[in-house]
Amino acid sequence: VSGALSHARAMLTYAMHWDGTSWSPSQMPPDQLGSLTDVVRTRSRVWGFGGRYGDSAFVLHWNPKTDRWVKAHRPGPASQVFLGASAPPDSARLFVLAVSEQGQKKHLEFFRYS
């Protein structure tokens, strides 16, 4: 479960984790603002994508050693909006579809993480 919580006019990113018995909040980077809109699992990692309306997009990955989400490298410009992400079963590859704006033009972009 993921999304954003409104707090003092800021949208704080949140995610909940199911351990088989109960739900608990996941630790996010302390300054992470915006809505977590997509979570995808590859063979070796769990990735999160999101952003703020009209503002920068972000990429997170789950660090099981510290039991928290951490910021990851974001490809493309800050004005990018992530549309979705997918990973083939039992693969280390991750495919991401995004839109970015350059002036009045919008560009559809496709990225592959591996």
C-alpha atoms as a PDB file:
ATOM      1  CA  VAL A   1       0.000   0.000   0.000  1.00  0.00           C
ATOM      2  CA  SER A   2       1.461   3.369  -0.922  1.00  0.00           C
ATOM      3  CA  GLY A   3       0.523   6.985  -1.535  1.00  0.00           C
ATOM      4  CA  ALA A   4       0.931  10.316   0.206  1.00  0.00           C
ATOM      5  CA  LEU A   5      -0.235  11.877   3.463  1.00  0.00           C
ATOM      6  CA  SER A   6      -1.089  15.556   3.664  1.00  0.00           C
ATOM      7  CA  HIS A   7       0.796  17.274   6.470  1.00  0.00           C
ATOM      8  CA  ALA A   8       1.245  21.051   6.815  1.00  0.00           C
ATOM      9  CA  ARG A   9       0.497  21.566   3.087  1.00  0.00           C
ATOM     10  CA  ALA A  10       3.129  19.005   2.074  1.00  0.00           C
ATOM     11  CA  MET A  11       2.448  15.568   0.632  1.00  0.00           C
ATOM     12  CA  LEU A  12       4.626  13.160   2.631  1.00  0.00           C
ATOM     13  CA  THR A  13       5.384   9.885   0.860  1.00  0.00           C
ATOM     14  CA  TYR A  14       4.331   6.698   2.648  1.00  0.00           C
ATOM     15  CA  ALA A  15       4.164   2.964   2.118  1.00  0.00           C
ATOM     16  CA  MET A  16       2.871   0.137   4.280  1.00  0.00           C
ATOM     17  CA  HIS A  17       4.467  -3.308   4.565  1.00  0.00           C
ATOM     18  CA  TRP A  18       2.593  -6.599   5.182  1.00  0.00           C
ATOM     19  CA  ASP A  19       4.695  -9.123   7.112  1.00  0.00           C
ATOM     20  CA  GLY A  20       2.136 -11.940   6.881  1.00  0.00           C
ATOM     21  CA  THR A  21       0.473 -10.959  10.143  1.00  0.00           C
ATOM     22  CA  SER A  22       0.040  -7.188  10.262  1.00  0.00           C
ATOM     23  CA  TRP A  23       0.619  -3.911   8.387  1.00  0.00           C
ATOM     24  CA  SER A  24       3.355  -1.508   9.451  1.00  0.00           C
ATOM     25  CA  PRO A  25       4.635   1.794   7.995  1.00  0.00           C
ATOM     26  CA  SER A  26       7.829   1.646   5.915  1.00  0.00           C
ATOM     27  CA  GLN A  27      10.657   4.102   6.560  1.00  0.00           C
ATOM     28  CA  MET A  28      10.990   6.739   3.815  1.00  0.00           C
ATOM     29  CA  PRO A  29      13.785   9.239   3.222  1.00  0.00           C
ATOM     30  CA  PRO A  30      12.991  12.080   5.685  1.00  0.00           C
ATOM     31  CA  ASP A  31      12.655  14.787   3.019  1.00  0.00           C
ATOM     32  CA  GLN A  32      10.686  12.667   0.518  1.00  0.00           C
ATOM     33  CA  LEU A  33       7.607  14.546  -0.675  1.00  0.00           C
ATOM     34  CA  GLY A  34       4.964  13.397  -3.153  1.00  0.00           C
ATOM     35  CA  SER A  35       2.926  10.330  -3.890  1.00  0.00           C
ATOM     36  CA  LEU A  36       4.434   6.865  -4.324  1.00  0.00           C
ATOM     37  CA  THR A  37       2.441   5.694  -7.356  1.00  0.00           C
ATOM     38  CA  ASP A  38       4.081   2.453  -8.461  1.00  0.00           C
ATOM     39  CA  VAL A  39       5.988  -0.314  -6.674  1.00  0.00           C
ATOM     40  CA  VAL A  40       7.670  -3.087  -8.688  1.00  0.00           C
ATOM     41  CA  ARG A  41       9.697  -6.117  -7.616  1.00  0.00           C
ATOM     42  CA  THR A  42      12.579  -7.473  -9.666  1.00  0.00           C
ATOM     43  CA  ARG A  43      14.555 -10.593  -8.783  1.00  0.00           C
ATOM     44  CA  SER A  44      16.945  -8.647  -6.580  1.00  0.00           C
ATOM     45  CA  ARG A  45      15.223  -5.365  -5.636  1.00  0.00           C
ATOM     46  CA  VAL A  46      11.971  -3.582  -4.915  1.00  0.00           C
ATOM     47  CA  TRP A  47      11.590  -0.220  -6.684  1.00  0.00           C
ATOM     48  CA  GLY A  48       9.210   2.668  -5.974  1.00  0.00           C
ATOM     49  CA  PHE A  49       8.254   5.487  -8.354  1.00  0.00           C
ATOM     50  CA  GLY A  50       6.321   8.671  -7.766  1.00  0.00           C
ATOM     51  CA  GLY A  51       6.337  12.432  -7.739  1.00  0.00           C
ATOM     52  CA  ARG A  52       4.503  15.637  -6.953  1.00  0.00           C
ATOM     53  CA  TYR A  53       1.961  17.247  -9.246  1.00  0.00           C
ATOM     54  CA  GLY A  54       3.757  19.670 -11.560  1.00  0.00           C
ATOM     55  CA  ASP A  55       7.071  18.989  -9.851  1.00  0.00           C
ATOM     56  CA  SER A  56       9.913  16.493  -9.791  1.00  0.00           C
ATOM     57  CA  ALA A  57       9.561  12.738 -10.060  1.00  0.00           C
ATOM     58  CA  PHE A  58      11.504  10.380  -7.823  1.00  0.00           C
ATOM     59  CA  VAL A  59      12.818   6.810  -7.774  1.00  0.00           C
ATOM     60  CA  LEU A  60      13.309   4.819  -4.562  1.00  0.00           C
ATOM     61  CA  HIS A  61      14.531   1.309  -3.851  1.00  0.00           C
ATOM     62  CA  TRP A  62      14.052  -0.853  -0.784  1.00  0.00           C
ATOM     63  CA  ASN A  63      17.189  -1.553   1.229  1.00  0.00           C
ATOM     64  CA  PRO A  64      16.534  -4.763   3.222  1.00  0.00           C
ATOM     65  CA  LYS A  65      19.713  -4.305   5.288  1.00  0.00           C
ATOM     66  CA  THR A  66      18.469  -1.021   6.776  1.00  0.00           C
ATOM     67  CA  ASP A  67      14.763  -1.919   6.447  1.00  0.00           C
ATOM     68  CA  ARG A  68      13.929   1.362   4.697  1.00  0.00           C
ATOM     69  CA  TRP A  69      13.388   3.048   1.316  1.00  0.00           C
ATOM     70  CA  VAL A  70      16.335   5.045  -0.081  1.00  0.00           C
ATOM     71  CA  LYS A  71      16.618   7.443  -3.008  1.00  0.00           C
ATOM     72  CA  ALA A  72      17.874   5.968  -6.283  1.00  0.00           C
ATOM     73  CA  HIS A  73      19.222   7.550  -9.459  1.00  0.00           C
ATOM     74  CA  ARG A  74      16.426   9.079 -11.534  1.00  0.00           C
ATOM     75  CA  PRO A  75      16.953   9.027 -15.291  1.00  0.00           C
ATOM     76  CA  GLY A  76      15.797  12.004 -17.316  1.00  0.00           C
ATOM     77  CA  PRO A  77      14.796  15.545 -16.343  1.00  0.00           C
ATOM     78  CA  ALA A  78      13.247  16.637 -13.045  1.00  0.00           C
ATOM     79  CA  SER A  79       9.988  17.541 -14.826  1.00  0.00           C
ATOM     80  CA  GLN A  80       9.483  13.874 -15.635  1.00  0.00           C
ATOM     81  CA  VAL A  81       6.247  12.106 -14.648  1.00  0.00           C
ATOM     82  CA  PHE A  82       6.356   8.319 -14.287  1.00  0.00           C
ATOM     83  CA  LEU A  83       3.466   6.522 -15.977  1.00  0.00           C
ATOM     84  CA  GLY A  84       4.299   2.992 -14.945  1.00  0.00           C
ATOM     85  CA  ALA A  85       6.899   0.336 -14.346  1.00  0.00           C
ATOM     86  CA  SER A  86       7.072  -3.398 -14.941  1.00  0.00           C
ATOM     87  CA  ALA A  87       9.497  -6.291 -14.526  1.00  0.00           C
ATOM     88  CA  PRO A  88       9.425  -9.697 -16.252  1.00  0.00           C
ATOM     89  CA  PRO A  89       9.001 -12.600 -13.791  1.00  0.00           C
ATOM     90  CA  ASP A  90      12.270 -13.660 -12.120  1.00  0.00           C
ATOM     91  CA  SER A  91      14.256 -10.982 -13.942  1.00  0.00           C
ATOM     92  CA  ALA A  92      16.685  -8.322 -12.733  1.00  0.00           C
ATOM     93  CA  ARG A  93      15.465  -5.971 -15.490  1.00  0.00           C
ATOM     94  CA  LEU A  94      13.029  -3.146 -14.824  1.00  0.00           C
ATOM     95  CA  PHE A  95      11.202  -1.202 -17.522  1.00  0.00           C
ATOM     96  CA  VAL A  96       9.845   2.306 -16.880  1.00  0.00           C
ATOM     97  CA  LEU A  97       7.591   4.521 -19.008  1.00  0.00           C
ATOM     98  CA  ALA A  98       7.644   8.275 -18.359  1.00  0.00           C
ATOM     99  CA  VAL A  99       6.627  11.605 -19.866  1.00  0.00           C
ATOM    100  CA  SER A 100       8.817  14.694 -19.693  1.00  0.00           C
ATOM    101  CA  GLU A 101       8.198  18.246 -20.817  1.00  0.00           C
ATOM    102  CA  GLN A 102      10.683  20.409 -22.658  1.00  0.00           C
ATOM    103  CA  GLY A 103       9.103  23.787 -23.242  1.00  0.00           C
ATOM    104  CA  GLN A 104       5.669  23.220 -24.762  1.00  0.00           C
ATOM    105  CA  LYS A 105       6.537  19.728 -26.005  1.00  0.00           C
ATOM    106  CA  LYS A 106       5.887  16.481 -24.161  1.00  0.00           C
ATOM    107  CA  HIS A 107       8.095  13.476 -24.775  1.00  0.00           C
ATOM    108  CA  LEU A 108       7.332   9.839 -24.042  1.00  0.00           C
ATOM    109  CA  GLU A 109      10.441   8.120 -22.669  1.00  0.00           C
ATOM    110  CA  PHE A 110      11.285   4.496 -21.991  1.00  0.00           C
ATOM    111  CA  PHE A 111      14.033   3.454 -19.565  1.00  0.00           C
ATOM    112  CA  ARG A 112      15.517   0.106 -18.621  1.00  0.00           C
ATOM    113  CA  TYR A 113      17.224  -0.535 -15.298  1.00  0.00           C
ATOM    114  CA  SER A 114      19.245  -3.710 -14.808  1.00  0.00           C
END
